[in-house]
PDB file of N, CA and C in Angstrom:
ATOM      1  N   MET A   1       0.821  -1.189   0.000  1.00  0.00           N
ATOM      2  CA  MET A   1       0.000   0.000   0.000  1.00  0.00           C
ATOM      3  C   MET A   1       0.871   1.262   0.000  1.00  0.00           C
ATOM      4  N   GLN A   2       1.962   1.232   0.772  1.00  0.00           N
ATOM      5  CA  GLN A   2       2.842   2.399   0.822  1.00  0.00           C
ATOM      6  C   GLN A   2       3.405   2.729  -0.554  1.00  0.00           C
ATOM      7  N   GLU A   3       3.760   1.696  -1.321  1.00  0.00           N
ATOM      8  CA  GLU A   3       4.282   1.941  -2.668  1.00  0.00           C
ATOM      9  C   GLU A   3       3.247   2.646  -3.530  1.00  0.00           C
ATOM     10  N   ARG A   4       2.004   2.214  -3.438  1.00  0.00           N
ATOM     11  CA  ARG A   4       0.927   2.821  -4.224  1.00  0.00           C
ATOM     12  C   ARG A   4       0.712   4.280  -3.821  1.00  0.00           C
ATOM     13  N   ILE A   5       0.726   4.548  -2.533  1.00  0.00           N
ATOM     14  CA  ILE A   5       0.533   5.918  -2.050  1.00  0.00           C
ATOM     15  C   ILE A   5       1.715   6.791  -2.475  1.00  0.00           C
ATOM     16  N   THR A   6       2.924   6.265  -2.375  1.00  0.00           N
ATOM     17  CA  THR A   6       4.108   7.013  -2.806  1.00  0.00           C
ATOM     18  C   THR A   6       4.042   7.308  -4.295  1.00  0.00           C
ATOM     19  N   GLU A   7       3.592   6.342  -5.070  1.00  0.00           N
ATOM     20  CA  GLU A   7       3.457   6.544  -6.514  1.00  0.00           C
ATOM     21  C   GLU A   7       2.433   7.647  -6.805  1.00  0.00           C
ATOM     22  N   MET A   8       1.313   7.628  -6.086  1.00  0.00           N
ATOM     23  CA  MET A   8       0.319   8.702  -6.255  1.00  0.00           C
ATOM     24  C   MET A   8       0.936  10.047  -5.898  1.00  0.00           C
ATOM     25  N   LEU A   9       1.669  10.097  -4.808  1.00  0.00           N
ATOM     26  CA  LEU A   9       2.296  11.336  -4.367  1.00  0.00           C
ATOM     27  C   LEU A   9       3.254  11.874  -5.423  1.00  0.00           C
ATOM     28  N   ASN A  10       3.995  11.004  -6.060  1.00  0.00           N
ATOM     29  CA  ASN A  10       4.976  11.424  -7.060  1.00  0.00           C
ATOM     30  C   ASN A  10       4.344  11.948  -8.345  1.00  0.00           C
ATOM     31  N   HIS A  11       3.115  11.558  -8.640  1.00  0.00           N
ATOM     32  CA  HIS A  11       2.516  11.903  -9.929  1.00  0.00           C
ATOM     33  C   HIS A  11       1.291  12.810  -9.833  1.00  0.00           C
ATOM     34  N   ALA A  12       0.800  13.072  -8.654  1.00  0.00           N
ATOM     35  CA  ALA A  12      -0.450  13.834  -8.508  1.00  0.00           C
ATOM     36  C   ALA A  12      -0.180  15.282  -8.114  1.00  0.00           C
ATOM     37  N   ASP A  13      -1.072  16.165  -8.546  1.00  0.00           N
ATOM     38  CA  ASP A  13      -1.050  17.560  -8.098  1.00  0.00           C
ATOM     39  C   ASP A  13      -1.955  17.755  -6.892  1.00  0.00           C
ATOM     40  N   ALA A  14      -2.918  16.849  -6.736  1.00  0.00           N
ATOM     41  CA  ALA A  14      -3.883  16.906  -5.641  1.00  0.00           C
ATOM     42  C   ALA A  14      -4.452  15.504  -5.463  1.00  0.00           C
ATOM     43  N   PHE A  15      -5.169  15.305  -4.372  1.00  0.00           N
ATOM     44  CA  PHE A  15      -5.790  14.011  -4.096  1.00  0.00           C
ATOM     45  C   PHE A  15      -7.277  14.229  -3.873  1.00  0.00           C
ATOM     46  N   ILE A  16      -8.087  13.392  -4.491  1.00  0.00           N
ATOM     47  CA  ILE A  16      -9.534  13.444  -4.294  1.00  0.00           C
ATOM     48  C   ILE A  16      -9.973  12.081  -3.789  1.00  0.00           C
ATOM     49  N   PHE A  17     -10.583  12.065  -2.623  1.00  0.00           N
ATOM     50  CA  PHE A  17     -11.070  10.825  -2.035  1.00  0.00           C
ATOM     51  C   PHE A  17     -12.576  10.742  -2.201  1.00  0.00           C
ATOM     52  N   LEU A  18     -13.000   9.633  -2.802  1.00  0.00           N
ATOM     53  CA  LEU A  18     -14.412   9.329  -2.984  1.00  0.00           C
ATOM     54  C   LEU A  18     -14.830   8.370  -1.879  1.00  0.00           C
ATOM     55  N   LEU A  19     -16.025   7.846  -1.967  1.00  0.00           N
ATOM     56  CA  LEU A  19     -16.467   6.820  -1.030  1.00  0.00           C
ATOM     57  C   LEU A  19     -15.502   5.650  -1.132  1.00  0.00           C
ATOM     58  N   GLY A  20     -15.198   5.009  -0.025  1.00  0.00           N
ATOM     59  CA  GLY A  20     -14.227   3.934  -0.111  1.00  0.00           C
ATOM     60  C   GLY A  20     -14.212   3.037   1.103  1.00  0.00           C
ATOM     61  N   ASP A  21     -13.276   2.103   1.061  1.00  0.00           N
ATOM     62  CA  ASP A  21     -13.144   1.097   2.103  1.00  0.00           C
ATOM     63  C   ASP A  21     -11.950   1.425   3.001  1.00  0.00           C
ATOM     64  N   LEU A  22     -11.465   0.427   3.711  1.00  0.00           N
ATOM     65  CA  LEU A  22     -10.337   0.652   4.621  1.00  0.00           C
ATOM     66  C   LEU A  22      -9.068   1.066   3.888  1.00  0.00           C
ATOM     67  N   ALA A  23      -8.864   0.559   2.680  1.00  0.00           N
ATOM     68  CA  ALA A  23      -7.681   0.964   1.913  1.00  0.00           C
ATOM     69  C   ALA A  23      -7.754   2.448   1.564  1.00  0.00           C
ATOM     70  N   THR A  24      -8.945   2.933   1.248  1.00  0.00           N
ATOM     71  CA  THR A  24      -9.135   4.360   0.973  1.00  0.00           C
ATOM     72  C   THR A  24      -8.829   5.173   2.224  1.00  0.00           C
ATOM     73  N   LEU A  25      -9.337   4.714   3.356  1.00  0.00           N
ATOM     74  CA  LEU A  25      -9.094   5.410   4.621  1.00  0.00           C
ATOM     75  C   LEU A  25      -7.603   5.397   4.971  1.00  0.00           C
ATOM     76  N   GLU A  26      -6.930   4.274   4.720  1.00  0.00           N
ATOM     77  CA  GLU A  26      -5.487   4.209   4.977  1.00  0.00           C
ATOM     78  C   GLU A  26      -4.730   5.226   4.123  1.00  0.00           C
ATOM     79  N   ALA A  27      -5.074   5.306   2.848  1.00  0.00           N
ATOM     80  CA  ALA A  27      -4.413   6.273   1.964  1.00  0.00           C
ATOM     81  C   ALA A  27      -4.692   7.699   2.422  1.00  0.00           C
ATOM     82  N   LEU A  28      -5.924   7.974   2.817  1.00  0.00           N
ATOM     83  CA  LEU A  28      -6.302   9.305   3.297  1.00  0.00           C
ATOM     84  C   LEU A  28      -5.484   9.694   4.527  1.00  0.00           C
ATOM     85  N   ILE A  29      -5.414   8.811   5.497  1.00  0.00           N
ATOM     86  CA  ILE A  29      -4.684   9.101   6.735  1.00  0.00           C
ATOM     87  C   ILE A  29      -3.179   9.196   6.467  1.00  0.00           C
ATOM     88  N   THR A  30      -2.657   8.331   5.613  1.00  0.00           N
ATOM     89  CA  THR A  30      -1.225   8.383   5.287  1.00  0.00           C
ATOM     90  C   THR A  30      -0.866   9.708   4.640  1.00  0.00           C
ATOM     91  N   LEU A  31      -1.644  10.130   3.645  1.00  0.00           N
ATOM     92  CA  LEU A  31      -1.351  11.399   2.969  1.00  0.00           C
ATOM     93  C   LEU A  31      -1.526  12.585   3.911  1.00  0.00           C
ATOM     94  N   ALA A  32      -2.510  12.518   4.803  1.00  0.00           N
ATOM     95  CA  ALA A  32      -2.692  13.589   5.787  1.00  0.00           C
ATOM     96  C   ALA A  32      -1.506  13.629   6.752  1.00  0.00           C
ATOM     97  N   SER A  33      -1.040  12.463   7.183  1.00  0.00           N
ATOM     98  CA  SER A  33       0.132  12.413   8.072  1.00  0.00           C
ATOM     99  C   SER A  33       1.362  12.981   7.384  1.00  0.00           C
ATOM    100  N   TRP A  34       1.548  12.623   6.130  1.00  0.00           N
ATOM    101  CA  TRP A  34       2.702  13.133   5.384  1.00  0.00           C
ATOM    102  C   TRP A  34       2.596  14.641   5.178  1.00  0.00           C
ATOM    103  N   ALA A  35       1.396  15.139   4.962  1.00  0.00           N
ATOM    104  CA  ALA A  35       1.215  16.595   4.839  1.00  0.00           C
ATOM    105  C   ALA A  35       1.527  17.269   6.176  1.00  0.00           C
ATOM    106  N   HIS A  36       1.056  16.673   7.258  1.00  0.00           N
ATOM    107  CA  HIS A  36       1.316  17.217   8.594  1.00  0.00           C
ATOM    108  C   HIS A  36       2.818  17.248   8.891  1.00  0.00           C
ATOM    109  N   LEU A  37       3.539  16.259   8.384  1.00  0.00           N
ATOM    110  CA  LEU A  37       4.995  16.189   8.574  1.00  0.00           C
ATOM    111  C   LEU A  37       5.763  16.977   7.520  1.00  0.00           C
ATOM    112  N   HIS A  38       5.033  17.680   6.655  1.00  0.00           N
ATOM    113  CA  HIS A  38       5.602  18.526   5.600  1.00  0.00           C
ATOM    114  C   HIS A  38       6.370  17.720   4.555  1.00  0.00           C
ATOM    115  N   ILE A  39       5.951  16.489   4.330  1.00  0.00           N
ATOM    116  CA  ILE A  39       6.518  15.683   3.253  1.00  0.00           C
ATOM    117  C   ILE A  39       5.943  16.140   1.917  1.00  0.00           C
ATOM    118  N   HIS A  40       4.716  16.639   1.936  1.00  0.00           N
ATOM    119  CA  HIS A  40       4.114  17.215   0.733  1.00  0.00           C
ATOM    120  C   HIS A  40       3.186  18.353   1.140  1.00  0.00           C
ATOM    121  N   GLN A  41       2.829  19.190   0.170  1.00  0.00           N
ATOM    122  CA  GLN A  41       1.904  20.300   0.397  1.00  0.00           C
ATOM    123  C   GLN A  41       0.769  20.263  -0.617  1.00  0.00           C
ATOM    124  N   LYS A  42       0.390  19.085  -1.035  1.00  0.00           N
ATOM    125  CA  LYS A  42      -0.665  18.931  -2.034  1.00  0.00           C
ATOM    126  C   LYS A  42      -2.019  18.867  -1.339  1.00  0.00           C
ATOM    127  N   PRO A  43      -3.045  19.449  -1.950  1.00  0.00           N
ATOM    128  CA  PRO A  43      -4.357  19.449  -1.306  1.00  0.00           C
ATOM    129  C   PRO A  43      -4.981  18.056  -1.278  1.00  0.00           C
ATOM    130  N   ILE A  44      -5.733  17.803  -0.216  1.00  0.00           N
ATOM    131  CA  ILE A  44      -6.436  16.538  -0.032  1.00  0.00           C
ATOM    132  C   ILE A  44      -7.927  16.848  -0.037  1.00  0.00           C
ATOM    133  N   GLY A  45      -8.604  16.423  -1.085  1.00  0.00           N
ATOM    134  CA  GLY A  45     -10.024  16.701  -1.234  1.00  0.00           C
ATOM    135  C   GLY A  45     -10.882  15.520  -0.831  1.00  0.00           C
ATOM    136  N   LEU A  46     -11.971  15.820  -0.138  1.00  0.00           N
ATOM    137  CA  LEU A  46     -12.955  14.806   0.236  1.00  0.00           C
ATOM    138  C   LEU A  46     -14.245  15.105  -0.514  1.00  0.00           C
ATOM    139  N   LEU A  47     -14.646  14.220  -1.412  1.00  0.00           N
ATOM    140  CA  LEU A  47     -15.924  14.372  -2.093  1.00  0.00           C
ATOM    141  C   LEU A  47     -16.970  13.731  -1.192  1.00  0.00           C
ATOM    142  N   ASN A  48     -17.689  14.564  -0.482  1.00  0.00           N
ATOM    143  CA  ASN A  48     -18.576  14.142   0.599  1.00  0.00           C
ATOM    144  C   ASN A  48     -19.979  13.809   0.071  1.00  0.00           C
ATOM    145  N   VAL A  49     -20.049  12.834  -0.824  1.00  0.00           N
ATOM    146  CA  VAL A  49     -21.323  12.406  -1.407  1.00  0.00           C
ATOM    147  C   VAL A  49     -22.192  11.774  -0.325  1.00  0.00           C
ATOM    148  N   ASN A  50     -23.439  12.211  -0.255  1.00  0.00           N
ATOM    149  CA  ASN A  50     -24.388  11.697   0.746  1.00  0.00           C
ATOM    150  C   ASN A  50     -23.818  11.758   2.162  1.00  0.00           C
ATOM    151  N   ASN A  51     -23.007  12.776   2.436  1.00  0.00           N
ATOM    152  CA  ASN A  51     -22.422  13.008   3.765  1.00  0.00           C
ATOM    153  C   ASN A  51     -21.531  11.855   4.239  1.00  0.00           C
ATOM    154  N   PHE A  52     -20.912  11.164   3.286  1.00  0.00           N
ATOM    155  CA  PHE A  52     -20.081  10.003   3.607  1.00  0.00           C
ATOM    156  C   PHE A  52     -18.973  10.346   4.599  1.00  0.00           C
ATOM    157  N   TYR A  53     -18.349  11.502   4.461  1.00  0.00           N
ATOM    158  CA  TYR A  53     -17.211  11.867   5.307  1.00  0.00           C
ATOM    159  C   TYR A  53     -17.609  12.663   6.552  1.00  0.00           C
ATOM    160  N   ASP A  54     -18.896  12.826   6.809  1.00  0.00           N
ATOM    161  CA  ASP A  54     -19.323  13.565   8.004  1.00  0.00           C
ATOM    162  C   ASP A  54     -18.784  12.929   9.285  1.00  0.00           C
ATOM    163  N   GLY A  55     -18.831  11.598   9.377  1.00  0.00           N
ATOM    164  CA  GLY A  55     -18.319  10.907  10.562  1.00  0.00           C
ATOM    165  C   GLY A  55     -16.829  11.128  10.749  1.00  0.00           C
ATOM    166  N   PHE A  56     -16.094  11.152   9.656  1.00  0.00           N
ATOM    167  CA  PHE A  56     -14.654  11.422   9.719  1.00  0.00           C
ATOM    168  C   PHE A  56     -14.403  12.830  10.250  1.00  0.00           C
ATOM    169  N   ILE A  57     -15.190  13.781   9.778  1.00  0.00           N
ATOM    170  CA  ILE A  57     -15.036  15.172  10.220  1.00  0.00           C
ATOM    171  C   ILE A  57     -15.396  15.304  11.699  1.00  0.00           C
ATOM    172  N   VAL A  58     -16.437  14.595  12.144  1.00  0.00           N
ATOM    173  CA  VAL A  58     -16.798  14.592  13.568  1.00  0.00           C
ATOM    174  C   VAL A  58     -15.641  14.014  14.388  1.00  0.00           C
ATOM    175  N   PHE A  59     -15.070  12.901  13.919  1.00  0.00           N
ATOM    176  CA  PHE A  59     -13.925  12.301  14.610  1.00  0.00           C
ATOM    177  C   PHE A  59     -12.748  13.270  14.678  1.00  0.00           C
ATOM    178  N   LEU A  60     -12.464  13.926  13.563  1.00  0.00           N
ATOM    179  CA  LEU A  60     -11.367  14.888  13.497  1.00  0.00           C
ATOM    180  C   LEU A  60     -11.579  16.003  14.526  1.00  0.00           C
ATOM    181  N   ASN A  61     -12.780  16.557  14.572  1.00  0.00           N
ATOM    182  CA  ASN A  61     -13.091  17.611  15.543  1.00  0.00           C
ATOM    183  C   ASN A  61     -12.967  17.102  16.976  1.00  0.00           C
ATOM    184  N   HIS A  62     -13.400  15.866  17.222  1.00  0.00           N
ATOM    185  CA  HIS A  62     -13.304  15.267  18.555  1.00  0.00           C
ATOM    186  C   HIS A  62     -11.835  15.106  18.968  1.00  0.00           C
ATOM    187  N   ALA A  63     -11.008  14.624  18.051  1.00  0.00           N
ATOM    188  CA  ALA A  63      -9.583  14.446  18.347  1.00  0.00           C
ATOM    189  C   ALA A  63      -8.898  15.789  18.600  1.00  0.00           C
ATOM    190  N   ILE A  64      -9.308  16.814  17.864  1.00  0.00           N
ATOM    191  CA  ILE A  64      -8.754  18.159  18.077  1.00  0.00           C
ATOM    192  C   ILE A  64      -9.192  18.696  19.437  1.00  0.00           C
ATOM    193  N   LYS A  65     -10.475  18.560  19.732  1.00  0.00           N
ATOM    194  CA  LYS A  65     -11.018  19.061  21.004  1.00  0.00           C
ATOM    195  C   LYS A  65     -10.319  18.417  22.200  1.00  0.00           C
ATOM    196  N   ASN A  66      -9.937  17.151  22.056  1.00  0.00           N
ATOM    197  CA  ASN A  66      -9.293  16.425  23.147  1.00  0.00           C
ATOM    198  C   ASN A  66      -7.767  16.415  23.045  1.00  0.00           C
ATOM    199  N   TYR A  67      -7.228  17.293  22.205  1.00  0.00           N
ATOM    200  CA  TYR A  67      -5.781  17.532  22.098  1.00  0.00           C
ATOM    201  C   TYR A  67      -4.969  16.317  21.633  1.00  0.00           C
ATOM    202  N   PHE A  68      -5.598  15.424  20.858  1.00  0.00           N
ATOM    203  CA  PHE A  68      -4.844  14.306  20.295  1.00  0.00           C
ATOM    204  C   PHE A  68      -4.142  14.706  19.006  1.00  0.00           C
ATOM    205  N   ILE A  69      -4.731  15.642  18.285  1.00  0.00           N
ATOM    206  CA  ILE A  69      -4.107  16.163  17.069  1.00  0.00           C
ATOM    207  C   ILE A  69      -4.247  17.682  17.086  1.00  0.00           C
ATOM    208  N   PRO A  70      -3.345  18.394  16.418  1.00  0.00           N
ATOM    209  CA  PRO A  70      -3.410  19.861  16.433  1.00  0.00           C
ATOM    210  C   PRO A  70      -4.578  20.377  15.588  1.00  0.00           C
ATOM    211  N   SER A  71      -5.071  21.539  15.937  1.00  0.00           N
ATOM    212  CA  SER A  71      -6.188  22.134  15.190  1.00  0.00           C
ATOM    213  C   SER A  71      -5.814  22.406  13.740  1.00  0.00           C
ATOM    214  N   SER A  72      -4.535  22.559  13.465  1.00  0.00           N
ATOM    215  CA  SER A  72      -4.094  22.789  12.088  1.00  0.00           C
ATOM    216  C   SER A  72      -4.397  21.598  11.179  1.00  0.00           C
ATOM    217  N   ALA A  73      -4.671  20.441  11.750  1.00  0.00           N
ATOM    218  CA  ALA A  73      -4.975  19.253  10.944  1.00  0.00           C
ATOM    219  C   ALA A  73      -6.226  19.452  10.095  1.00  0.00           C
ATOM    220  N   LYS A  74      -7.160  20.276  10.559  1.00  0.00           N
ATOM    221  CA  LYS A  74      -8.378  20.516   9.770  1.00  0.00           C
ATOM    222  C   LYS A  74      -8.061  21.188   8.443  1.00  0.00           C
ATOM    223  N   LYS A  75      -6.987  21.965   8.408  1.00  0.00           N
ATOM    224  CA  LYS A  75      -6.608  22.666   7.177  1.00  0.00           C
ATOM    225  C   LYS A  75      -6.076  21.710   6.113  1.00  0.00           C
ATOM    226  N   LEU A  76      -5.784  20.482   6.491  1.00  0.00           N
ATOM    227  CA  LEU A  76      -5.256  19.516   5.536  1.00  0.00           C
ATOM    228  C   LEU A  76      -6.322  19.029   4.559  1.00  0.00           C
ATOM    229  N   PHE A  77      -7.595  19.178   4.919  1.00  0.00           N
ATOM    230  CA  PHE A  77      -8.678  18.596   4.139  1.00  0.00           C
ATOM    231  C   PHE A  77      -9.558  19.669   3.519  1.00  0.00           C
ATOM    232  N   ILE A  78      -9.928  19.435   2.269  1.00  0.00           N
ATOM    233  CA  ILE A  78     -10.887  20.285   1.569  1.00  0.00           C
ATOM    234  C   ILE A  78     -12.098  19.405   1.300  1.00  0.00           C
ATOM    235  N   CYS A  79     -13.235  19.794   1.827  1.00  0.00           N
ATOM    236  CA  CYS A  79     -14.425  18.950   1.762  1.00  0.00           C
ATOM    237  C   CYS A  79     -15.530  19.664   0.993  1.00  0.00           C
ATOM    238  N   ALA A  80     -16.176  18.941   0.069  1.00  0.00           N
ATOM    239  CA  ALA A  80     -17.281  19.510  -0.706  1.00  0.00           C
ATOM    240  C   ALA A  80     -18.270  18.399  -1.051  1.00  0.00           C
ATOM    241  N   HIS A  81     -19.507  18.811  -1.331  1.00  0.00           N
ATOM    242  CA  HIS A  81     -20.569  17.847  -1.637  1.00  0.00           C
ATOM    243  C   HIS A  81     -20.710  17.555  -3.126  1.00  0.00           C
ATOM    244  N   THR A  82     -20.135  18.402  -3.983  1.00  0.00           N
ATOM    245  CA  THR A  82     -20.217  18.153  -5.424  1.00  0.00           C
ATOM    246  C   THR A  82     -18.816  18.175  -6.024  1.00  0.00           C
ATOM    247  N   ALA A  83     -18.671  17.472  -7.133  1.00  0.00           N
ATOM    248  CA  ALA A  83     -17.370  17.411  -7.801  1.00  0.00           C
ATOM    249  C   ALA A  83     -16.932  18.787  -8.287  1.00  0.00           C
ATOM    250  N   ASN A  84     -17.856  19.549  -8.872  1.00  0.00           N
ATOM    251  CA  ASN A  84     -17.493  20.883  -9.367  1.00  0.00           C
ATOM    252  C   ASN A  84     -17.029  21.794  -8.238  1.00  0.00           C
ATOM    253  N   GLU A  85     -17.744  21.761  -7.129  1.00  0.00           N
ATOM    254  CA  GLU A  85     -17.365  22.577  -5.968  1.00  0.00           C
ATOM    255  C   GLU A  85     -15.980  22.164  -5.457  1.00  0.00           C
ATOM    256  N   LEU A  86     -15.734  20.863  -5.383  1.00  0.00           N
ATOM    257  CA  LEU A  86     -14.441  20.379  -4.895  1.00  0.00           C
ATOM    258  C   LEU A  86     -13.311  20.776  -5.842  1.00  0.00           C
ATOM    259  N   LEU A  87     -13.533  20.634  -7.143  1.00  0.00           N
ATOM    260  CA  LEU A  87     -12.499  21.024  -8.108  1.00  0.00           C
ATOM    261  C   LEU A  87     -12.176  22.509  -8.020  1.00  0.00           C
ATOM    262  N   ASP A  88     -13.207  23.345  -7.863  1.00  0.00           N
ATOM    263  CA  ASP A  88     -12.978  24.787  -7.703  1.00  0.00           C
ATOM    264  C   ASP A  88     -12.149  25.070  -6.454  1.00  0.00           C
ATOM    265  N   MET A  89     -12.474  24.389  -5.362  1.00  0.00           N
ATOM    266  CA  MET A  89     -11.749  24.602  -4.110  1.00  0.00           C
ATOM    267  C   MET A  89     -10.301  24.106  -4.213  1.00  0.00           C
ATOM    268  N   LEU A  90     -10.097  22.988  -4.897  1.00  0.00           N
ATOM    269  CA  LEU A  90      -8.740  22.468  -5.069  1.00  0.00           C
ATOM    270  C   LEU A  90      -7.896  23.396  -5.935  1.00  0.00           C
ATOM    271  N   GLN A  91      -8.509  23.959  -6.973  1.00  0.00           N
ATOM    272  CA  GLN A  91      -7.769  24.882  -7.838  1.00  0.00           C
ATOM    273  C   GLN A  91      -7.398  26.162  -7.107  1.00  0.00           C
ATOM    274  N   ALA A  92      -8.208  26.575  -6.139  1.00  0.00           N
ATOM    275  CA  ALA A  92      -7.938  27.797  -5.381  1.00  0.00           C
ATOM    276  C   ALA A  92      -6.986  27.554  -4.205  1.00  0.00           C
ATOM    277  N   TYR A  93      -6.642  26.322  -3.947  1.00  0.00           N
ATOM    278  CA  TYR A  93      -5.819  25.951  -2.800  1.00  0.00           C
ATOM    279  C   TYR A  93      -4.450  26.623  -2.843  1.00  0.00           C
ATOM    280  N   LYS A  94      -4.058  27.176  -1.718  1.00  0.00           N
ATOM    281  CA  LYS A  94      -2.716  27.735  -1.524  1.00  0.00           C
ATOM    282  C   LYS A  94      -2.123  27.040  -0.293  1.00  0.00           C
ATOM    283  N   PRO A  95      -0.992  26.368  -0.448  1.00  0.00           N
ATOM    284  CA  PRO A  95      -0.416  25.673   0.707  1.00  0.00           C
ATOM    285  C   PRO A  95       0.044  26.648   1.782  1.00  0.00           C
ATOM    286  N   GLU A  96      -0.030  26.185   3.006  1.00  0.00           N
ATOM    287  CA  GLU A  96       0.479  26.960   4.137  1.00  0.00           C
ATOM    288  C   GLU A  96       2.005  27.001   4.038  1.00  0.00           C
ATOM    289  N   PRO A  97       2.626  28.099   4.469  1.00  0.00           N
ATOM    290  CA  PRO A  97       4.095  28.121   4.483  1.00  0.00           C
ATOM    291  C   PRO A  97       4.626  27.036   5.417  1.00  0.00           C
ATOM    292  N   ASP A  98       5.705  26.426   5.023  1.00  0.00           N
ATOM    293  CA  ASP A  98       6.333  25.395   5.836  1.00  0.00           C
ATOM    294  C   ASP A  98       7.024  26.073   7.018  1.00  0.00           C
ATOM    295  N   PRO A  99       6.587  25.802   8.254  1.00  0.00           N
ATOM    296  CA  PRO A  99       7.181  26.492   9.408  1.00  0.00           C
ATOM    297  C   PRO A  99       8.620  26.073   9.677  1.00  0.00           C
ATOM    298  N   TRP A 100       9.068  24.969   9.091  1.00  0.00           N
ATOM    299  CA  TRP A 100      10.421  24.481   9.356  1.00  0.00           C
ATOM    300  C   TRP A 100      11.435  24.967   8.335  1.00  0.00           C
ATOM    301  N   THR A 101      10.964  25.694   7.331  1.00  0.00           N
ATOM    302  CA  THR A 101      11.853  26.181   6.286  1.00  0.00           C
ATOM    303  C   THR A 101      11.743  27.690   6.213  1.00  0.00           C
ATOM    304  N   PHE A 102      12.848  28.356   6.068  1.00  0.00           N
ATOM    305  CA  PHE A 102      12.797  29.796   5.867  1.00  0.00           C
ATOM    306  C   PHE A 102      13.778  30.171   4.765  1.00  0.00           C
ATOM    307  N   VAL A 103      13.565  31.325   4.197  1.00  0.00           N
ATOM    308  CA  VAL A 103      14.393  31.788   3.089  1.00  0.00           C
ATOM    309  C   VAL A 103      15.223  32.964   3.573  1.00  0.00           C
ATOM    310  N   LEU A 104      16.504  32.900   3.311  1.00  0.00           N
ATOM    311  CA  LEU A 104      17.412  33.988   3.669  1.00  0.00           C
ATOM    312  C   LEU A 104      17.798  34.745   2.414  1.00  0.00           C
ATOM    313  N   GLU A 105      17.837  36.030   2.506  1.00  0.00           N
ATOM    314  CA  GLU A 105      18.336  36.865   1.412  1.00  0.00           C
ATOM    315  C   GLU A 105      19.800  37.164   1.722  1.00  0.00           C
ATOM    316  N   ARG A 106      20.688  36.748   0.839  1.00  0.00           N
ATOM    317  CA  ARG A 106      22.112  37.012   1.027  1.00  0.00           C
ATOM    318  C   ARG A 106      22.659  37.714  -0.201  1.00  0.00           C
ATOM    319  N   PRO A 107      23.449  38.743  -0.005  1.00  0.00           N
ATOM    320  CA  PRO A 107      24.051  39.395  -1.172  1.00  0.00           C
ATOM    321  C   PRO A 107      25.115  38.507  -1.803  1.00  0.00           C
ATOM    322  N   ASN A 108      25.130  38.496  -3.125  1.00  0.00           N
ATOM    323  CA  ASN A 108      26.202  37.831  -3.880  1.00  0.00           C
ATOM    324  C   ASN A 108      27.412  38.748  -3.933  1.00  0.00           C
ATOM    325  N   ASN A 109      28.462  38.265  -4.534  1.00  0.00           N
ATOM    326  CA  ASN A 109      29.653  39.097  -4.737  1.00  0.00           C
ATOM    327  C   ASN A 109      29.351  40.308  -5.607  1.00  0.00           C
ATOM    328  N   ASP A 110      28.379  40.169  -6.522  1.00  0.00           N
ATOM    329  CA  ASP A 110      28.057  41.284  -7.418  1.00  0.00           C
ATOM    330  C   ASP A 110      27.041  42.255  -6.803  1.00  0.00           C
ATOM    331  N   GLY A 111      26.667  42.048  -5.544  1.00  0.00           N
ATOM    332  CA  GLY A 111      25.737  42.954  -4.880  1.00  0.00           C
ATOM    333  C   GLY A 111      24.282  42.551  -5.001  1.00  0.00           C
ATOM    334  N   ASN A 112      23.966  41.614  -5.900  1.00  0.00           N
ATOM    335  CA  ASN A 112      22.590  41.124  -6.012  1.00  0.00           C
ATOM    336  C   ASN A 112      22.333  40.102  -4.919  1.00  0.00           C
ATOM    337  N   SER A 113      21.073  39.922  -4.600  1.00  0.00           N
ATOM    338  CA  SER A 113      20.767  38.942  -3.559  1.00  0.00           C
ATOM    339  C   SER A 113      20.441  37.601  -4.191  1.00  0.00           C
ATOM    340  N   SER A 114      20.760  36.559  -3.467  1.00  0.00           N
ATOM    341  CA  SER A 114      20.394  35.206  -3.884  1.00  0.00           C
ATOM    342  C   SER A 114      19.635  34.570  -2.742  1.00  0.00           C
ATOM    343  N   ARG A 115      18.786  33.650  -3.094  1.00  0.00           N
ATOM    344  CA  ARG A 115      18.007  32.964  -2.064  1.00  0.00           C
ATOM    345  C   ARG A 115      18.663  31.630  -1.755  1.00  0.00           C
ATOM    346  N   SER A 116      18.717  31.333  -0.506  1.00  0.00           N
ATOM    347  CA  SER A 116      19.171  30.005  -0.102  1.00  0.00           C
ATOM    348  C   SER A 116      18.181  29.475   0.908  1.00  0.00           C
ATOM    349  N   ARG A 117      17.971  28.191   0.862  1.00  0.00           N
ATOM    350  CA  ARG A 117      17.031  27.562   1.785  1.00  0.00           C
ATOM    351  C   ARG A 117      17.811  26.966   2.937  1.00  0.00           C
ATOM    352  N   SER A 118      17.226  27.067   4.080  1.00  0.00           N
ATOM    353  CA  SER A 118      17.845  26.511   5.265  1.00  0.00           C
ATOM    354  C   SER A 118      16.753  25.929   6.132  1.00  0.00           C
ATOM    355  N   THR A 119      17.034  24.863   6.839  1.00  0.00           N
ATOM    356  CA  THR A 119      16.045  24.272   7.738  1.00  0.00           C
ATOM    357  C   THR A 119      16.554  24.328   9.156  1.00  0.00           C
ATOM    358  N   ASN A 120      15.592  24.403  10.071  1.00  0.00           N
ATOM    359  CA  ASN A 120      15.936  24.405  11.497  1.00  0.00           C
ATOM    360  C   ASN A 120      16.071  22.997  11.980  1.00  0.00           C
TER     361      ASN A 120
END
C-alpha cells in the first residue's frame, strides 16, 4: 500500500477521495500524516457524497477538542458535496508556508541577492 501511495504522491497535483473502504481510509490518513509532517503540500479533497465523510469530520473535531491532534490538521482537508465545488476549491488551494523552512536573502559578490534555503 505504501508503494501505491508514494506513486500517487509522485505523480499527482492533488488528491480526491471518494467513497471507499479501509484501503481508501489508509491512503487518506497516510497522505494527511505526510502533509502534517511537511513531506508534501498537495491538497487533499474529500468528495462528501451523501455526507459520507461527516463521521470522519466529527472524529477529526473530537480528536482536536481532546488535544490528540493539532487544530491545524483541519486545514489539511478540503471537503465539498459536489465534484465541481471540490475542483474549484482544489484549484484555489494555496499551501500553508512550511514552518520548518525559511528563506534567507544574502548578497552575492556582485551585490545582487540570492536565495538560499535553510532548515531548522
